[in-house]
Amino acid sequence: MVKGTIVVNNKSGLHLRPASELAKIASKLTSDITIVSGEKRVNPKSVLILMSAGITKGTTIDIICEGPDEKADLTVMLDAIAGGLGE
């Protein structure tokens, strides 16, 4: 298991468009991935579940990856969020 922490800087947080992009990226990864925001733990491979976390701009989230490619998958997730998810 590996964990990384990042601040979401998208103007509107993880609304539909960036949540869709993140879910698309997460779905291609082999690790079991969990995003922790406050007390909520969500699977980012589902757009609806990801949006239900209510992650807004400036929210600090933890990303936890478990699996054979966990380090690489964590890097992909952190890079995607840091890159703004297409916004």
PDB file of N, CA and C in Angstrom:
ATOM      1  N   MET A   1       0.843  -1.186   0.000  1.00  0.00           N
ATOM      2  CA  MET A   1       0.000   0.000   0.000  1.00  0.00           C
ATOM      3  C   MET A   1       0.886   1.245   0.000  1.00  0.00           C
ATOM      4  N   VAL A   2       0.551   2.183  -0.853  1.00  0.00           N
ATOM      5  CA  VAL A   2       1.232   3.479  -0.883  1.00  0.00           C
ATOM      6  C   VAL A   2       0.175   4.571  -0.809  1.00  0.00           C
ATOM      7  N   LYS A   3       0.589   5.707  -0.272  1.00  0.00           N
ATOM      8  CA  LYS A   3      -0.357   6.809  -0.091  1.00  0.00           C
ATOM      9  C   LYS A   3       0.319   8.116  -0.466  1.00  0.00           C
ATOM     10  N   GLY A   4      -0.445   8.982  -1.110  1.00  0.00           N
ATOM     11  CA  GLY A   4       0.032  10.320  -1.451  1.00  0.00           C
ATOM     12  C   GLY A   4      -1.036  11.333  -1.101  1.00  0.00           C
ATOM     13  N   THR A   5      -0.590  12.552  -0.831  1.00  0.00           N
ATOM     14  CA  THR A   5      -1.499  13.631  -0.463  1.00  0.00           C
ATOM     15  C   THR A   5      -1.344  14.763  -1.466  1.00  0.00           C
ATOM     16  N   ILE A   6      -2.474  15.349  -1.862  1.00  0.00           N
ATOM     17  CA  ILE A   6      -2.450  16.439  -2.833  1.00  0.00           C
ATOM     18  C   ILE A   6      -3.623  17.378  -2.569  1.00  0.00           C
ATOM     19  N   VAL A   7      -3.435  18.632  -2.940  1.00  0.00           N
ATOM     20  CA  VAL A   7      -4.513  19.627  -2.849  1.00  0.00           C
ATOM     21  C   VAL A   7      -5.147  19.770  -4.226  1.00  0.00           C
ATOM     22  N   VAL A   8      -6.471  19.687  -4.287  1.00  0.00           N
ATOM     23  CA  VAL A   8      -7.199  19.836  -5.547  1.00  0.00           C
ATOM     24  C   VAL A   8      -7.264  21.327  -5.884  1.00  0.00           C
ATOM     25  N   ASN A   9      -6.743  21.694  -7.047  1.00  0.00           N
ATOM     26  CA  ASN A   9      -6.684  23.109  -7.429  1.00  0.00           C
ATOM     27  C   ASN A   9      -7.597  23.475  -8.585  1.00  0.00           C
ATOM     28  N   ASN A  10      -8.399  22.522  -9.062  1.00  0.00           N
ATOM     29  CA  ASN A  10      -9.346  22.855 -10.124  1.00  0.00           C
ATOM     30  C   ASN A  10     -10.292  23.940  -9.643  1.00  0.00           C
ATOM     31  N   LYS A  11     -10.624  24.861 -10.520  1.00  0.00           N
ATOM     32  CA  LYS A  11     -11.461  26.012 -10.166  1.00  0.00           C
ATOM     33  C   LYS A  11     -12.763  25.591  -9.474  1.00  0.00           C
ATOM     34  N   SER A  12     -13.383  24.550  -9.974  1.00  0.00           N
ATOM     35  CA  SER A  12     -14.658  24.099  -9.407  1.00  0.00           C
ATOM     36  C   SER A  12     -14.530  22.771  -8.670  1.00  0.00           C
ATOM     37  N   GLY A  13     -13.321  22.376  -8.322  1.00  0.00           N
ATOM     38  CA  GLY A  13     -13.130  21.098  -7.641  1.00  0.00           C
ATOM     39  C   GLY A  13     -13.359  19.943  -8.606  1.00  0.00           C
ATOM     40  N   LEU A  14     -13.800  18.817  -8.083  1.00  0.00           N
ATOM     41  CA  LEU A  14     -14.037  17.650  -8.924  1.00  0.00           C
ATOM     42  C   LEU A  14     -15.499  17.580  -9.332  1.00  0.00           C
ATOM     43  N   HIS A  15     -15.913  18.539 -10.161  1.00  0.00           N
ATOM     44  CA  HIS A  15     -17.261  18.505 -10.723  1.00  0.00           C
ATOM     45  C   HIS A  15     -17.254  17.514 -11.881  1.00  0.00           C
ATOM     46  N   LEU A  16     -18.278  17.467 -12.679  1.00  0.00           N
ATOM     47  CA  LEU A  16     -18.467  16.398 -13.666  1.00  0.00           C
ATOM     48  C   LEU A  16     -17.292  16.186 -14.616  1.00  0.00           C
ATOM     49  N   ARG A  17     -16.813  17.226 -15.250  1.00  0.00           N
ATOM     50  CA  ARG A  17     -15.763  17.047 -16.262  1.00  0.00           C
ATOM     51  C   ARG A  17     -14.464  16.497 -15.660  1.00  0.00           C
ATOM     52  N   PRO A  18     -13.887  17.125 -14.636  1.00  0.00           N
ATOM     53  CA  PRO A  18     -12.652  16.558 -14.088  1.00  0.00           C
ATOM     54  C   PRO A  18     -12.873  15.219 -13.383  1.00  0.00           C
ATOM     55  N   ALA A  19     -14.038  15.024 -12.781  1.00  0.00           N
ATOM     56  CA  ALA A  19     -14.329  13.736 -12.140  1.00  0.00           C
ATOM     57  C   ALA A  19     -14.389  12.637 -13.194  1.00  0.00           C
ATOM     58  N   SER A  20     -14.973  12.943 -14.351  1.00  0.00           N
ATOM     59  CA  SER A  20     -15.035  11.974 -15.450  1.00  0.00           C
ATOM     60  C   SER A  20     -13.635  11.629 -15.941  1.00  0.00           C
ATOM     61  N   GLU A  21     -12.810  12.640 -16.077  1.00  0.00           N
ATOM     62  CA  GLU A  21     -11.438  12.422 -16.537  1.00  0.00           C
ATOM     63  C   GLU A  21     -10.661  11.575 -15.528  1.00  0.00           C
ATOM     64  N   LEU A  22     -10.798  11.882 -14.250  1.00  0.00           N
ATOM     65  CA  LEU A  22     -10.086  11.128 -13.218  1.00  0.00           C
ATOM     66  C   LEU A  22     -10.583   9.688 -13.160  1.00  0.00           C
ATOM     67  N   ALA A  23     -11.891   9.490 -13.293  1.00  0.00           N
ATOM     68  CA  ALA A  23     -12.452   8.134 -13.285  1.00  0.00           C
ATOM     69  C   ALA A  23     -11.936   7.335 -14.477  1.00  0.00           C
ATOM     70  N   LYS A  24     -11.828   7.989 -15.629  1.00  0.00           N
ATOM     71  CA  LYS A  24     -11.321   7.323 -16.828  1.00  0.00           C
ATOM     72  C   LYS A  24      -9.874   6.879 -16.609  1.00  0.00           C
ATOM     73  N   ILE A  25      -9.081   7.754 -16.020  1.00  0.00           N
ATOM     74  CA  ILE A  25      -7.682   7.433 -15.748  1.00  0.00           C
ATOM     75  C   ILE A  25      -7.593   6.301 -14.722  1.00  0.00           C
ATOM     76  N   ALA A  26      -8.335   6.424 -13.626  1.00  0.00           N
ATOM     77  CA  ALA A  26      -8.286   5.427 -12.550  1.00  0.00           C
ATOM     78  C   ALA A  26      -8.739   4.053 -13.045  1.00  0.00           C
ATOM     79  N   SER A  27      -9.726   4.021 -13.941  1.00  0.00           N
ATOM     80  CA  SER A  27     -10.258   2.753 -14.446  1.00  0.00           C
ATOM     81  C   SER A  27      -9.236   1.970 -15.257  1.00  0.00           C
ATOM     82  N   LYS A  28      -8.257   2.652 -15.809  1.00  0.00           N
ATOM     83  CA  LYS A  28      -7.225   1.988 -16.604  1.00  0.00           C
ATOM     84  C   LYS A  28      -6.106   1.415 -15.738  1.00  0.00           C
ATOM     85  N   LEU A  29      -6.083   1.772 -14.455  1.00  0.00           N
ATOM     86  CA  LEU A  29      -5.018   1.332 -13.561  1.00  0.00           C
ATOM     87  C   LEU A  29      -5.392   0.014 -12.892  1.00  0.00           C
ATOM     88  N   THR A  30      -4.380  -0.764 -12.535  1.00  0.00           N
ATOM     89  CA  THR A  30      -4.623  -2.092 -11.971  1.00  0.00           C
ATOM     90  C   THR A  30      -4.795  -2.095 -10.455  1.00  0.00           C
ATOM     91  N   SER A  31      -4.355  -1.060  -9.787  1.00  0.00           N
ATOM     92  CA  SER A  31      -4.434  -1.020  -8.328  1.00  0.00           C
ATOM     93  C   SER A  31      -5.857  -0.805  -7.831  1.00  0.00           C
ATOM     94  N   ASP A  32      -6.100  -1.241  -6.593  1.00  0.00           N
ATOM     95  CA  ASP A  32      -7.301  -0.821  -5.879  1.00  0.00           C
ATOM     96  C   ASP A  32      -6.993   0.574  -5.375  1.00  0.00           C
ATOM     97  N   ILE A  33      -7.818   1.547  -5.735  1.00  0.00           N
ATOM     98  CA  ILE A  33      -7.536   2.941  -5.415  1.00  0.00           C
ATOM     99  C   ILE A  33      -8.659   3.490  -4.555  1.00  0.00           C
ATOM    100  N   THR A  34      -8.270   4.222  -3.520  1.00  0.00           N
ATOM    101  CA  THR A  34      -9.232   4.886  -2.648  1.00  0.00           C
ATOM    102  C   THR A  34      -8.810   6.341  -2.508  1.00  0.00           C
ATOM    103  N   ILE A  35      -9.782   7.241  -2.623  1.00  0.00           N
ATOM    104  CA  ILE A  35      -9.532   8.650  -2.339  1.00  0.00           C
ATOM    105  C   ILE A  35     -10.203   8.960  -1.017  1.00  0.00           C
ATOM    106  N   VAL A  36      -9.439   9.580  -0.122  1.00  0.00           N
ATOM    107  CA  VAL A  36      -9.945   9.943   1.191  1.00  0.00           C
ATOM    108  C   VAL A  36     -10.019  11.465   1.263  1.00  0.00           C
ATOM    109  N   SER A  37     -11.230  11.954   1.529  1.00  0.00           N
ATOM    110  CA  SER A  37     -11.473  13.389   1.678  1.00  0.00           C
ATOM    111  C   SER A  37     -12.248  13.576   2.967  1.00  0.00           C
ATOM    112  N   GLY A  38     -11.553  14.069   3.992  1.00  0.00           N
ATOM    113  CA  GLY A  38     -12.194  14.174   5.303  1.00  0.00           C
ATOM    114  C   GLY A  38     -12.530  12.785   5.800  1.00  0.00           C
ATOM    115  N   GLU A  39     -13.801  12.546   6.077  1.00  0.00           N
ATOM    116  CA  GLU A  39     -14.233  11.239   6.566  1.00  0.00           C
ATOM    117  C   GLU A  39     -14.747  10.342   5.450  1.00  0.00           C
ATOM    118  N   LYS A  40     -14.784  10.862   4.232  1.00  0.00           N
ATOM    119  CA  LYS A  40     -15.294  10.088   3.093  1.00  0.00           C
ATOM    120  C   LYS A  40     -14.164   9.316   2.425  1.00  0.00           C
ATOM    121  N   ARG A  41     -14.455   8.065   2.108  1.00  0.00           N
ATOM    122  CA  ARG A  41     -13.527   7.203   1.368  1.00  0.00           C
ATOM    123  C   ARG A  41     -14.266   6.750   0.115  1.00  0.00           C
ATOM    124  N   VAL A  42     -13.745   7.106  -1.054  1.00  0.00           N
ATOM    125  CA  VAL A  42     -14.453   6.790  -2.295  1.00  0.00           C
ATOM    126  C   VAL A  42     -13.546   6.095  -3.297  1.00  0.00           C
ATOM    127  N   ASN A  43     -14.180   5.339  -4.173  1.00  0.00           N
ATOM    128  CA  ASN A  43     -13.503   4.671  -5.268  1.00  0.00           C
ATOM    129  C   ASN A  43     -13.534   5.613  -6.475  1.00  0.00           C
ATOM    130  N   PRO A  44     -12.374   6.089  -6.943  1.00  0.00           N
ATOM    131  CA  PRO A  44     -12.363   7.048  -8.048  1.00  0.00           C
ATOM    132  C   PRO A  44     -12.643   6.433  -9.407  1.00  0.00           C
ATOM    133  N   LYS A  45     -12.878   5.133  -9.465  1.00  0.00           N
ATOM    134  CA  LYS A  45     -13.171   4.502 -10.745  1.00  0.00           C
ATOM    135  C   LYS A  45     -14.631   4.700 -11.138  1.00  0.00           C
ATOM    136  N   SER A  46     -15.435   5.273 -10.223  1.00  0.00           N
ATOM    137  CA  SER A  46     -16.841   5.579 -10.499  1.00  0.00           C
ATOM    138  C   SER A  46     -17.051   7.084 -10.439  1.00  0.00           C
ATOM    139  N   VAL A  47     -17.519   7.674 -11.533  1.00  0.00           N
ATOM    140  CA  VAL A  47     -17.738   9.121 -11.590  1.00  0.00           C
ATOM    141  C   VAL A  47     -18.737   9.565 -10.519  1.00  0.00           C
ATOM    142  N   LEU A  48     -19.856   8.862 -10.407  1.00  0.00           N
ATOM    143  CA  LEU A  48     -20.897   9.268  -9.452  1.00  0.00           C
ATOM    144  C   LEU A  48     -20.417   9.178  -8.011  1.00  0.00           C
ATOM    145  N   ILE A  49     -19.709   8.114  -7.697  1.00  0.00           N
ATOM    146  CA  ILE A  49     -19.192   7.978  -6.333  1.00  0.00           C
ATOM    147  C   ILE A  49     -18.147   9.056  -6.065  1.00  0.00           C
ATOM    148  N   LEU A  50     -17.305   9.327  -7.041  1.00  0.00           N
ATOM    149  CA  LEU A  50     -16.278  10.360  -6.897  1.00  0.00           C
ATOM    150  C   LEU A  50     -16.914  11.726  -6.671  1.00  0.00           C
ATOM    151  N   MET A  51     -17.945  12.038  -7.440  1.00  0.00           N
ATOM    152  CA  MET A  51     -18.620  13.329  -7.277  1.00  0.00           C
ATOM    153  C   MET A  51     -19.346  13.421  -5.933  1.00  0.00           C
ATOM    154  N   SER A  52     -19.782  12.283  -5.392  1.00  0.00           N
ATOM    155  CA  SER A  52     -20.503  12.293  -4.111  1.00  0.00           C
ATOM    156  C   SER A  52     -19.614  12.709  -2.944  1.00  0.00           C
ATOM    157  N   ALA A  53     -18.306  12.693  -3.149  1.00  0.00           N
ATOM    158  CA  ALA A  53     -17.384  13.102  -2.084  1.00  0.00           C
ATOM    159  C   ALA A  53     -17.392  14.610  -1.874  1.00  0.00           C
ATOM    160  N   GLY A  54     -17.906  15.369  -2.851  1.00  0.00           N
ATOM    161  CA  GLY A  54     -17.995  16.820  -2.714  1.00  0.00           C
ATOM    162  C   GLY A  54     -16.640  17.492  -2.590  1.00  0.00           C
ATOM    163  N   ILE A  55     -15.682  17.072  -3.395  1.00  0.00           N
ATOM    164  CA  ILE A  55     -14.320  17.617  -3.323  1.00  0.00           C
ATOM    165  C   ILE A  55     -14.277  18.943  -4.075  1.00  0.00           C
ATOM    166  N   THR A  56     -13.993  20.012  -3.341  1.00  0.00           N
ATOM    167  CA  THR A  56     -13.967  21.356  -3.905  1.00  0.00           C
ATOM    168  C   THR A  56     -12.531  21.868  -4.015  1.00  0.00           C
ATOM    169  N   LYS A  57     -12.371  22.991  -4.674  1.00  0.00           N
ATOM    170  CA  LYS A  57     -11.046  23.604  -4.811  1.00  0.00           C
ATOM    171  C   LYS A  57     -10.451  23.847  -3.432  1.00  0.00           C
ATOM    172  N   GLY A  58      -9.182  23.502  -3.297  1.00  0.00           N
ATOM    173  CA  GLY A  58      -8.471  23.708  -2.040  1.00  0.00           C
ATOM    174  C   GLY A  58      -8.575  22.547  -1.072  1.00  0.00           C
ATOM    175  N   THR A  59      -9.345  21.521  -1.431  1.00  0.00           N
ATOM    176  CA  THR A  59      -9.492  20.354  -0.561  1.00  0.00           C
ATOM    177  C   THR A  59      -8.232  19.498  -0.645  1.00  0.00           C
ATOM    178  N   THR A  60      -7.715  19.105   0.510  1.00  0.00           N
ATOM    179  CA  THR A  60      -6.583  18.181   0.567  1.00  0.00           C
ATOM    180  C   THR A  60      -7.141  16.768   0.604  1.00  0.00           C
ATOM    181  N   ILE A  61      -6.669  15.939  -0.315  1.00  0.00           N
ATOM    182  CA  ILE A  61      -7.127  14.552  -0.367  1.00  0.00           C
ATOM    183  C   ILE A  61      -5.938  13.606  -0.279  1.00  0.00           C
ATOM    184  N   ASP A  62      -6.204  12.408   0.206  1.00  0.00           N
ATOM    185  CA  ASP A  62      -5.210  11.336   0.204  1.00  0.00           C
ATOM    186  C   ASP A  62      -5.625  10.337  -0.862  1.00  0.00           C
ATOM    187  N   ILE A  63      -4.649   9.819  -1.567  1.00  0.00           N
ATOM    188  CA  ILE A  63      -4.885   8.765  -2.544  1.00  0.00           C
ATOM    189  C   ILE A  63      -4.122   7.536  -2.063  1.00  0.00           C
ATOM    190  N   ILE A  64      -4.843   6.438  -1.930  1.00  0.00           N
ATOM    191  CA  ILE A  64      -4.250   5.186  -1.472  1.00  0.00           C
ATOM    192  C   ILE A  64      -4.347   4.174  -2.609  1.00  0.00           C
ATOM    193  N   CYS A  65      -3.218   3.569  -2.943  1.00  0.00           N
ATOM    194  CA  CYS A  65      -3.180   2.555  -3.993  1.00  0.00           C
ATOM    195  C   CYS A  65      -2.634   1.254  -3.418  1.00  0.00           C
ATOM    196  N   GLU A  66      -3.287   0.154  -3.770  1.00  0.00           N
ATOM    197  CA  GLU A  66      -2.840  -1.169  -3.356  1.00  0.00           C
ATOM    198  C   GLU A  66      -2.855  -2.088  -4.561  1.00  0.00           C
ATOM    199  N   GLY A  67      -1.737  -2.733  -4.804  1.00  0.00           N
ATOM    200  CA  GLY A  67      -1.662  -3.664  -5.921  1.00  0.00           C
ATOM    201  C   GLY A  67      -0.244  -3.770  -6.442  1.00  0.00           C
ATOM    202  N   PRO A  68      -0.044  -4.609  -7.444  1.00  0.00           N
ATOM    203  CA  PRO A  68       1.313  -4.847  -7.954  1.00  0.00           C
ATOM    204  C   PRO A  68       1.963  -3.614  -8.583  1.00  0.00           C
ATOM    205  N   ASP A  69       1.159  -2.691  -9.107  1.00  0.00           N
ATOM    206  CA  ASP A  69       1.697  -1.475  -9.733  1.00  0.00           C
ATOM    207  C   ASP A  69       1.379  -0.233  -8.911  1.00  0.00           C
ATOM    208  N   GLU A  70       1.263  -0.389  -7.593  1.00  0.00           N
ATOM    209  CA  GLU A  70       0.754   0.692  -6.742  1.00  0.00           C
ATOM    210  C   GLU A  70       1.579   1.972  -6.828  1.00  0.00           C
ATOM    211  N   LYS A  71       2.893   1.864  -6.870  1.00  0.00           N
ATOM    212  CA  LYS A  71       3.716   3.085  -6.917  1.00  0.00           C
ATOM    213  C   LYS A  71       3.501   3.854  -8.214  1.00  0.00           C
ATOM    214  N   ALA A  72       3.517   3.135  -9.322  1.00  0.00           N
ATOM    215  CA  ALA A  72       3.310   3.778 -10.625  1.00  0.00           C
ATOM    216  C   ALA A  72       1.901   4.345 -10.720  1.00  0.00           C
ATOM    217  N   ASP A  73       0.912   3.597 -10.220  1.00  0.00           N
ATOM    218  CA  ASP A  73      -0.480   4.058 -10.286  1.00  0.00           C
ATOM    219  C   ASP A  73      -0.692   5.293  -9.424  1.00  0.00           C
ATOM    220  N   LEU A  74      -0.044   5.350  -8.265  1.00  0.00           N
ATOM    221  CA  LEU A  74      -0.145   6.537  -7.414  1.00  0.00           C
ATOM    222  C   LEU A  74       0.431   7.749  -8.140  1.00  0.00           C
ATOM    223  N   THR A  75       1.555   7.571  -8.789  1.00  0.00           N
ATOM    224  CA  THR A  75       2.176   8.661  -9.540  1.00  0.00           C
ATOM    225  C   THR A  75       1.246   9.159 -10.648  1.00  0.00           C
ATOM    226  N   VAL A  76       0.594   8.244 -11.358  1.00  0.00           N
ATOM    227  CA  VAL A  76      -0.331   8.623 -12.430  1.00  0.00           C
ATOM    228  C   VAL A  76      -1.480   9.452 -11.857  1.00  0.00           C
ATOM    229  N   MET A  77      -2.055   9.015 -10.740  1.00  0.00           N
ATOM    230  CA  MET A  77      -3.175   9.728 -10.131  1.00  0.00           C
ATOM    231  C   MET A  77      -2.752  11.120  -9.651  1.00  0.00           C
ATOM    232  N   LEU A  78      -1.621  11.194  -8.962  1.00  0.00           N
ATOM    233  CA  LEU A  78      -1.148  12.487  -8.451  1.00  0.00           C
ATOM    234  C   LEU A  78      -0.822  13.442  -9.599  1.00  0.00           C
ATOM    235  N   ASP A  79      -0.185  12.929 -10.635  1.00  0.00           N
ATOM    236  CA  ASP A  79       0.157  13.767 -11.793  1.00  0.00           C
ATOM    237  C   ASP A  79      -1.102  14.276 -12.501  1.00  0.00           C
ATOM    238  N   ALA A  80      -2.114  13.416 -12.611  1.00  0.00           N
ATOM    239  CA  ALA A  80      -3.357  13.818 -13.268  1.00  0.00           C
ATOM    240  C   ALA A  80      -4.034  14.942 -12.506  1.00  0.00           C
ATOM    241  N   ILE A  81      -4.098  14.813 -11.200  1.00  0.00           N
ATOM    242  CA  ILE A  81      -4.752  15.859 -10.381  1.00  0.00           C
ATOM    243  C   ILE A  81      -3.924  17.143 -10.404  1.00  0.00           C
ATOM    244  N   ALA A  82      -2.612  17.012 -10.279  1.00  0.00           N
ATOM    245  CA  ALA A  82      -1.741  18.187 -10.320  1.00  0.00           C
ATOM    246  C   ALA A  82      -1.822  18.890 -11.673  1.00  0.00           C
ATOM    247  N   GLY A  83      -2.071  18.130 -12.741  1.00  0.00           N
ATOM    248  CA  GLY A  83      -2.164  18.695 -14.086  1.00  0.00           C
ATOM    249  C   GLY A  83      -3.508  19.349 -14.391  1.00  0.00           C
ATOM    250  N   GLY A  84      -4.440  19.271 -13.465  1.00  0.00           N
ATOM    251  CA  GLY A  84      -5.720  19.965 -13.644  1.00  0.00           C
ATOM    252  C   GLY A  84      -6.804  19.166 -14.332  1.00  0.00           C
ATOM    253  N   LEU A  85      -6.530  17.919 -14.701  1.00  0.00           N
ATOM    254  CA  LEU A  85      -7.550  17.048 -15.298  1.00  0.00           C
ATOM    255  C   LEU A  85      -8.236  17.683 -16.506  1.00  0.00           C
ATOM    256  N   GLY A  86      -7.445  18.318 -17.349  1.00  0.00           N
ATOM    257  CA  GLY A  86      -7.975  18.874 -18.586  1.00  0.00           C
ATOM    258  C   GLY A  86      -8.607  20.237 -18.466  1.00  0.00           C
ATOM    259  N   GLU A  87      -8.533  20.870 -17.337  1.00  0.00           N
ATOM    260  CA  GLU A  87      -9.130  22.210 -17.188  1.00  0.00           C
ATOM    261  C   GLU A  87      -8.052  23.273 -17.307  1.00  0.00           C
TER     262      GLU A  87
END
